[in-house]
Amino acid sequence: MNSKLSEDWVKIQRAEHLSGVQVLTTNFVTGRETPRHIHQDYAFGLAIKGASEIDCGHCGETHILKSGDLMLTEAHEVYSGRALGKPPWLSYIIRISKEKLASLLDFAADGKQITP
């Protein structure tokens, strides 16, 4: 068995030509629970395998995130989560700073091409 698939890991990549953007790939094979916390950045998460239950501090509801679902966590939004079902739990997350997202939205609103 490939050891990379049989252990928990998170890979963080920074886009050298695009400051304020990170790409995370996460793989969890052990049941996990994430306590209430916040991030300073916006996070767009795509669930590839597995499912999670997310407690949203913003709306006070619990959401199920399953394979193929996309989730947005706003900057400074309080949330917690826990794995559901059987492993593995694999996801891709793009984290964008508030400043970079505002800049991208300004460019898009002006109809300009986005450049690094």
N, C-alpha and C. Protein backbone atom coordinates (compact mmCIF):
# COMPACT_ATOMS: atom_id res chain seq x y z
N MET A 1 0.84 -1.18 0.00
CA MET A 1 0.00 0.00 0.00
C MET A 1 0.89 1.24 0.00
N ASN A 2 0.46 2.24 -0.75
CA ASN A 2 1.19 3.50 -0.82
C ASN A 2 1.06 4.23 0.51
N SER A 3 2.19 4.51 1.18
CA SER A 3 2.14 5.15 2.49
C SER A 3 1.53 6.55 2.42
N LYS A 4 1.64 7.23 1.28
CA LYS A 4 1.07 8.56 1.13
C LYS A 4 -0.45 8.51 1.23
N LEU A 5 -1.06 7.36 0.85
CA LEU A 5 -2.50 7.23 0.92
C LEU A 5 -2.97 6.68 2.26
N SER A 6 -2.05 6.22 3.09
CA SER A 6 -2.43 5.59 4.35
C SER A 6 -2.13 6.46 5.57
N GLU A 7 -1.84 7.72 5.34
CA GLU A 7 -1.57 8.62 6.46
C GLU A 7 -2.22 9.98 6.20
N ASP A 8 -2.43 10.73 7.27
CA ASP A 8 -2.97 12.08 7.15
C ASP A 8 -1.89 13.02 6.64
N TRP A 9 -2.24 13.92 5.72
CA TRP A 9 -1.30 14.92 5.26
C TRP A 9 -2.02 16.11 4.66
N VAL A 10 -1.33 17.24 4.68
CA VAL A 10 -1.79 18.48 4.06
C VAL A 10 -0.62 19.04 3.26
N LYS A 11 -0.87 19.33 1.99
CA LYS A 11 0.16 19.92 1.13
C LYS A 11 -0.27 21.35 0.83
N ILE A 12 0.61 22.31 1.13
CA ILE A 12 0.32 23.72 0.90
C ILE A 12 1.23 24.24 -0.21
N GLN A 13 0.62 24.84 -1.22
CA GLN A 13 1.38 25.43 -2.32
C GLN A 13 1.02 26.90 -2.44
N ARG A 14 2.01 27.71 -2.66
CA ARG A 14 1.78 29.13 -2.90
C ARG A 14 2.00 29.38 -4.39
N ALA A 15 1.13 30.19 -4.94
CA ALA A 15 1.29 30.57 -6.33
C ALA A 15 2.33 31.68 -6.39
N GLU A 16 3.52 31.37 -6.87
CA GLU A 16 4.62 32.33 -6.87
C GLU A 16 4.26 33.61 -7.61
N HIS A 17 3.50 33.49 -8.69
CA HIS A 17 3.17 34.65 -9.51
C HIS A 17 1.85 35.32 -9.08
N LEU A 18 1.21 34.80 -8.02
CA LEU A 18 -0.07 35.34 -7.58
C LEU A 18 -0.07 35.44 -6.06
N SER A 19 0.44 36.55 -5.54
CA SER A 19 0.53 36.71 -4.09
C SER A 19 -0.87 36.73 -3.48
N GLY A 20 -0.97 36.23 -2.25
CA GLY A 20 -2.24 36.22 -1.56
C GLY A 20 -3.11 35.01 -1.86
N VAL A 21 -2.54 34.02 -2.58
CA VAL A 21 -3.30 32.82 -2.94
C VAL A 21 -2.51 31.59 -2.52
N GLN A 22 -3.19 30.65 -1.86
CA GLN A 22 -2.60 29.36 -1.49
C GLN A 22 -3.53 28.25 -1.98
N VAL A 23 -2.93 27.12 -2.36
CA VAL A 23 -3.70 25.94 -2.72
C VAL A 23 -3.32 24.84 -1.74
N LEU A 24 -4.31 24.27 -1.07
CA LEU A 24 -4.07 23.19 -0.12
C LEU A 24 -4.72 21.92 -0.65
N THR A 25 -4.01 20.82 -0.54
CA THR A 25 -4.56 19.51 -0.80
C THR A 25 -4.53 18.77 0.52
N THR A 26 -5.67 18.24 0.94
CA THR A 26 -5.72 17.55 2.22
C THR A 26 -6.15 16.10 2.02
N ASN A 27 -5.53 15.21 2.78
CA ASN A 27 -5.89 13.80 2.76
C ASN A 27 -5.91 13.32 4.21
N PHE A 28 -7.07 12.87 4.65
CA PHE A 28 -7.20 12.36 6.01
C PHE A 28 -7.73 10.93 5.96
N VAL A 29 -7.10 10.06 6.71
CA VAL A 29 -7.55 8.67 6.79
C VAL A 29 -7.98 8.31 8.20
N THR A 30 -7.68 9.17 9.16
CA THR A 30 -8.13 8.95 10.52
C THR A 30 -9.30 9.88 10.78
N GLY A 31 -10.26 9.41 11.56
CA GLY A 31 -11.38 10.27 11.90
C GLY A 31 -10.86 11.54 12.53
N ARG A 32 -11.42 12.65 12.19
CA ARG A 32 -10.89 13.90 12.71
C ARG A 32 -12.03 14.83 13.08
N GLU A 33 -11.74 15.69 14.01
CA GLU A 33 -12.66 16.74 14.40
C GLU A 33 -11.87 18.03 14.48
N THR A 34 -12.40 19.07 13.87
CA THR A 34 -11.75 20.37 13.86
C THR A 34 -12.51 21.29 14.82
N PRO A 35 -11.87 21.77 15.88
CA PRO A 35 -12.57 22.64 16.83
C PRO A 35 -12.92 23.98 16.18
N ARG A 36 -13.78 24.74 16.83
CA ARG A 36 -14.18 26.06 16.33
C ARG A 36 -12.94 26.92 16.11
N HIS A 37 -12.88 27.54 14.93
CA HIS A 37 -11.75 28.39 14.60
C HIS A 37 -12.12 29.31 13.43
N ILE A 38 -11.21 30.21 13.10
CA ILE A 38 -11.39 31.12 11.96
C ILE A 38 -10.11 31.13 11.13
N HIS A 39 -10.24 31.62 9.91
CA HIS A 39 -9.10 31.90 9.05
C HIS A 39 -9.21 33.36 8.63
N GLN A 40 -8.09 33.98 8.37
CA GLN A 40 -8.11 35.37 7.92
C GLN A 40 -8.43 35.49 6.45
N ASP A 41 -8.36 34.38 5.72
CA ASP A 41 -8.59 34.37 4.28
C ASP A 41 -9.93 33.73 3.94
N TYR A 42 -10.39 33.98 2.71
CA TYR A 42 -11.54 33.26 2.18
C TYR A 42 -11.04 31.88 1.76
N ALA A 43 -11.87 30.87 1.93
CA ALA A 43 -11.47 29.52 1.56
C ALA A 43 -12.56 28.89 0.70
N PHE A 44 -12.17 28.48 -0.49
CA PHE A 44 -13.06 27.76 -1.39
C PHE A 44 -12.62 26.30 -1.35
N GLY A 45 -13.47 25.43 -0.80
CA GLY A 45 -13.10 24.03 -0.63
C GLY A 45 -13.92 23.13 -1.53
N LEU A 46 -13.26 22.17 -2.18
CA LEU A 46 -13.92 21.18 -3.03
C LEU A 46 -13.67 19.81 -2.43
N ALA A 47 -14.75 19.13 -2.01
CA ALA A 47 -14.63 17.78 -1.45
C ALA A 47 -14.49 16.79 -2.61
N ILE A 48 -13.43 15.99 -2.56
CA ILE A 48 -13.18 15.00 -3.62
C ILE A 48 -13.64 13.62 -3.17
N LYS A 49 -13.29 13.23 -1.94
CA LYS A 49 -13.69 11.94 -1.38
C LYS A 49 -14.13 12.14 0.05
N GLY A 50 -15.11 11.37 0.48
CA GLY A 50 -15.57 11.42 1.86
C GLY A 50 -16.58 12.53 2.09
N ALA A 51 -17.00 12.65 3.33
CA ALA A 51 -17.98 13.67 3.71
C ALA A 51 -17.61 14.25 5.06
N SER A 52 -18.02 15.48 5.28
CA SER A 52 -17.78 16.17 6.54
C SER A 52 -19.04 16.89 6.97
N GLU A 53 -19.16 17.07 8.27
CA GLU A 53 -20.25 17.85 8.84
C GLU A 53 -19.63 19.16 9.31
N ILE A 54 -20.17 20.28 8.84
CA ILE A 54 -19.61 21.60 9.14
C ILE A 54 -20.63 22.39 9.96
N ASP A 55 -20.20 22.85 11.13
CA ASP A 55 -21.04 23.73 11.96
C ASP A 55 -20.66 25.16 11.64
N CYS A 56 -21.58 25.90 11.08
CA CYS A 56 -21.34 27.26 10.62
C CYS A 56 -21.73 28.27 11.69
N GLY A 57 -20.77 29.03 12.16
CA GLY A 57 -21.04 30.06 13.15
C GLY A 57 -21.80 31.23 12.58
N HIS A 58 -21.69 31.45 11.27
CA HIS A 58 -22.33 32.59 10.61
C HIS A 58 -23.85 32.43 10.59
N CYS A 59 -24.32 31.25 10.17
CA CYS A 59 -25.77 31.05 10.05
C CYS A 59 -26.33 30.18 11.17
N GLY A 60 -25.44 29.55 11.96
CA GLY A 60 -25.90 28.72 13.07
C GLY A 60 -26.39 27.35 12.65
N GLU A 61 -26.20 26.98 11.39
CA GLU A 61 -26.67 25.69 10.89
C GLU A 61 -25.52 24.71 10.72
N THR A 62 -25.87 23.44 10.61
CA THR A 62 -24.90 22.39 10.31
C THR A 62 -25.10 21.96 8.86
N HIS A 63 -24.01 21.91 8.10
CA HIS A 63 -24.06 21.55 6.68
C HIS A 63 -23.28 20.26 6.46
N ILE A 64 -23.73 19.43 5.53
CA ILE A 64 -23.01 18.23 5.14
C ILE A 64 -22.28 18.54 3.83
N LEU A 65 -20.98 18.33 3.84
CA LEU A 65 -20.15 18.54 2.66
C LEU A 65 -19.72 17.16 2.18
N LYS A 66 -20.16 16.77 0.97
CA LYS A 66 -19.84 15.44 0.45
C LYS A 66 -19.13 15.56 -0.89
N SER A 67 -18.63 14.44 -1.38
CA SER A 67 -17.86 14.43 -2.63
C SER A 67 -18.57 15.22 -3.72
N GLY A 68 -17.83 16.11 -4.36
CA GLY A 68 -18.36 16.92 -5.44
C GLY A 68 -18.93 18.25 -4.98
N ASP A 69 -19.06 18.46 -3.67
CA ASP A 69 -19.60 19.72 -3.15
C ASP A 69 -18.50 20.77 -3.04
N LEU A 70 -18.90 22.01 -3.25
CA LEU A 70 -18.02 23.17 -3.11
C LEU A 70 -18.51 24.00 -1.94
N MET A 71 -17.59 24.45 -1.11
CA MET A 71 -17.94 25.24 0.07
C MET A 71 -17.11 26.52 0.10
N LEU A 72 -17.74 27.61 0.50
CA LEU A 72 -17.03 28.87 0.71
C LEU A 72 -17.07 29.17 2.20
N THR A 73 -15.91 29.40 2.77
CA THR A 73 -15.83 29.89 4.14
C THR A 73 -15.31 31.31 4.06
N GLU A 74 -16.11 32.23 4.58
CA GLU A 74 -15.72 33.63 4.53
C GLU A 74 -14.59 33.91 5.51
N ALA A 75 -13.83 34.93 5.21
CA ALA A 75 -12.76 35.36 6.12
C ALA A 75 -13.38 35.72 7.46
N HIS A 76 -12.75 35.29 8.52
CA HIS A 76 -13.16 35.56 9.90
C HIS A 76 -14.48 34.90 10.30
N GLU A 77 -14.95 33.92 9.53
CA GLU A 77 -16.16 33.18 9.89
C GLU A 77 -15.77 32.04 10.83
N VAL A 78 -16.47 31.92 11.93
CA VAL A 78 -16.21 30.86 12.90
C VAL A 78 -16.90 29.58 12.43
N TYR A 79 -16.15 28.48 12.42
CA TYR A 79 -16.75 27.21 12.06
C TYR A 79 -15.97 26.06 12.69
N SER A 80 -16.60 24.90 12.71
CA SER A 80 -15.96 23.67 13.18
C SER A 80 -16.46 22.54 12.28
N GLY A 81 -15.81 21.40 12.37
CA GLY A 81 -16.23 20.30 11.52
C GLY A 81 -15.74 18.96 12.01
N ARG A 82 -16.32 17.93 11.45
CA ARG A 82 -15.91 16.56 11.78
C ARG A 82 -16.16 15.67 10.57
N ALA A 83 -15.32 14.66 10.44
CA ALA A 83 -15.43 13.71 9.35
C ALA A 83 -16.64 12.82 9.54
N LEU A 84 -17.28 12.47 8.43
CA LEU A 84 -18.41 11.53 8.44
C LEU A 84 -18.07 10.33 7.57
N GLY A 85 -18.58 9.18 7.93
CA GLY A 85 -18.41 8.00 7.10
C GLY A 85 -17.00 7.43 7.15
N LYS A 86 -16.70 6.66 6.12
CA LYS A 86 -15.41 5.96 6.06
C LYS A 86 -14.37 6.78 5.31
N PRO A 87 -13.09 6.59 5.66
CA PRO A 87 -12.02 7.31 4.97
C PRO A 87 -11.82 6.74 3.56
N PRO A 88 -11.07 7.45 2.74
CA PRO A 88 -10.34 8.69 3.03
C PRO A 88 -11.22 9.91 2.82
N TRP A 89 -10.75 11.04 3.36
CA TRP A 89 -11.38 12.33 3.15
C TRP A 89 -10.35 13.18 2.41
N LEU A 90 -10.63 13.48 1.17
CA LEU A 90 -9.70 14.21 0.31
C LEU A 90 -10.38 15.49 -0.17
N SER A 91 -9.66 16.62 -0.09
CA SER A 91 -10.22 17.88 -0.57
C SER A 91 -9.13 18.78 -1.12
N TYR A 92 -9.58 19.72 -1.94
CA TYR A 92 -8.73 20.79 -2.45
C TYR A 92 -9.30 22.10 -1.92
N ILE A 93 -8.44 22.97 -1.44
CA ILE A 93 -8.88 24.24 -0.88
C ILE A 93 -8.03 25.36 -1.48
N ILE A 94 -8.70 26.38 -1.96
CA ILE A 94 -8.00 27.58 -2.43
C ILE A 94 -8.28 28.67 -1.41
N ARG A 95 -7.22 29.17 -0.80
CA ARG A 95 -7.34 30.26 0.17
C ARG A 95 -6.87 31.55 -0.49
N ILE A 96 -7.72 32.58 -0.40
CA ILE A 96 -7.43 33.87 -1.04
C ILE A 96 -7.56 34.96 0.01
N SER A 97 -6.53 35.78 0.11
CA SER A 97 -6.56 36.88 1.08
C SER A 97 -7.68 37.86 0.71
N LYS A 98 -8.17 38.57 1.71
CA LYS A 98 -9.22 39.56 1.48
C LYS A 98 -8.76 40.60 0.46
N GLU A 99 -7.51 41.01 0.57
CA GLU A 99 -6.98 42.02 -0.34
C GLU A 99 -6.92 41.51 -1.78
N LYS A 100 -6.46 40.28 -1.96
CA LYS A 100 -6.34 39.72 -3.32
C LYS A 100 -7.73 39.51 -3.91
N LEU A 101 -8.68 39.02 -3.12
CA LEU A 101 -10.03 38.81 -3.63
C LEU A 101 -10.66 40.14 -4.04
N ALA A 102 -10.48 41.19 -3.23
CA ALA A 102 -11.01 42.51 -3.57
C ALA A 102 -10.39 43.00 -4.88
N SER A 103 -9.09 42.79 -5.05
CA SER A 103 -8.40 43.19 -6.27
C SER A 103 -8.95 42.43 -7.49
N LEU A 104 -9.15 41.13 -7.34
CA LEU A 104 -9.68 40.32 -8.45
C LEU A 104 -11.10 40.75 -8.81
N LEU A 105 -11.91 41.05 -7.79
CA LEU A 105 -13.28 41.50 -8.05
C LEU A 105 -13.30 42.86 -8.75
N ASP A 106 -12.38 43.75 -8.36
CA ASP A 106 -12.28 45.05 -9.03
C ASP A 106 -11.95 44.89 -10.50
N PHE A 107 -10.98 44.02 -10.79
CA PHE A 107 -10.61 43.77 -12.18
C PHE A 107 -11.79 43.20 -12.95
N ALA A 108 -12.48 42.24 -12.36
CA ALA A 108 -13.61 41.59 -13.04
C ALA A 108 -14.73 42.60 -13.29
N ALA A 109 -15.00 43.47 -12.33
CA ALA A 109 -16.06 44.47 -12.47
C ALA A 109 -15.75 45.47 -13.57
N ASP A 110 -14.46 45.76 -13.77
CA ASP A 110 -14.04 46.70 -14.82
C ASP A 110 -13.91 46.03 -16.18
N GLY A 111 -14.09 44.70 -16.22
CA GLY A 111 -13.96 43.98 -17.48
C GLY A 111 -12.53 43.83 -17.94
N LYS A 112 -11.59 44.02 -17.03
CA LYS A 112 -10.17 43.91 -17.37
C LYS A 112 -9.70 42.46 -17.25
N GLN A 113 -8.67 42.16 -17.99
CA GLN A 113 -8.06 40.84 -17.87
C GLN A 113 -7.25 40.79 -16.58
N ILE A 114 -7.39 39.70 -15.85
CA ILE A 114 -6.67 39.56 -14.59
C ILE A 114 -5.25 39.10 -14.89
N THR A 115 -4.30 39.85 -14.39
CA THR A 115 -2.89 39.48 -14.55
C THR A 115 -2.27 39.31 -13.17
N PRO A 116 -1.23 38.51 -13.08
CA PRO A 116 -0.59 38.28 -11.76
C PRO A 116 -0.08 39.55 -11.13
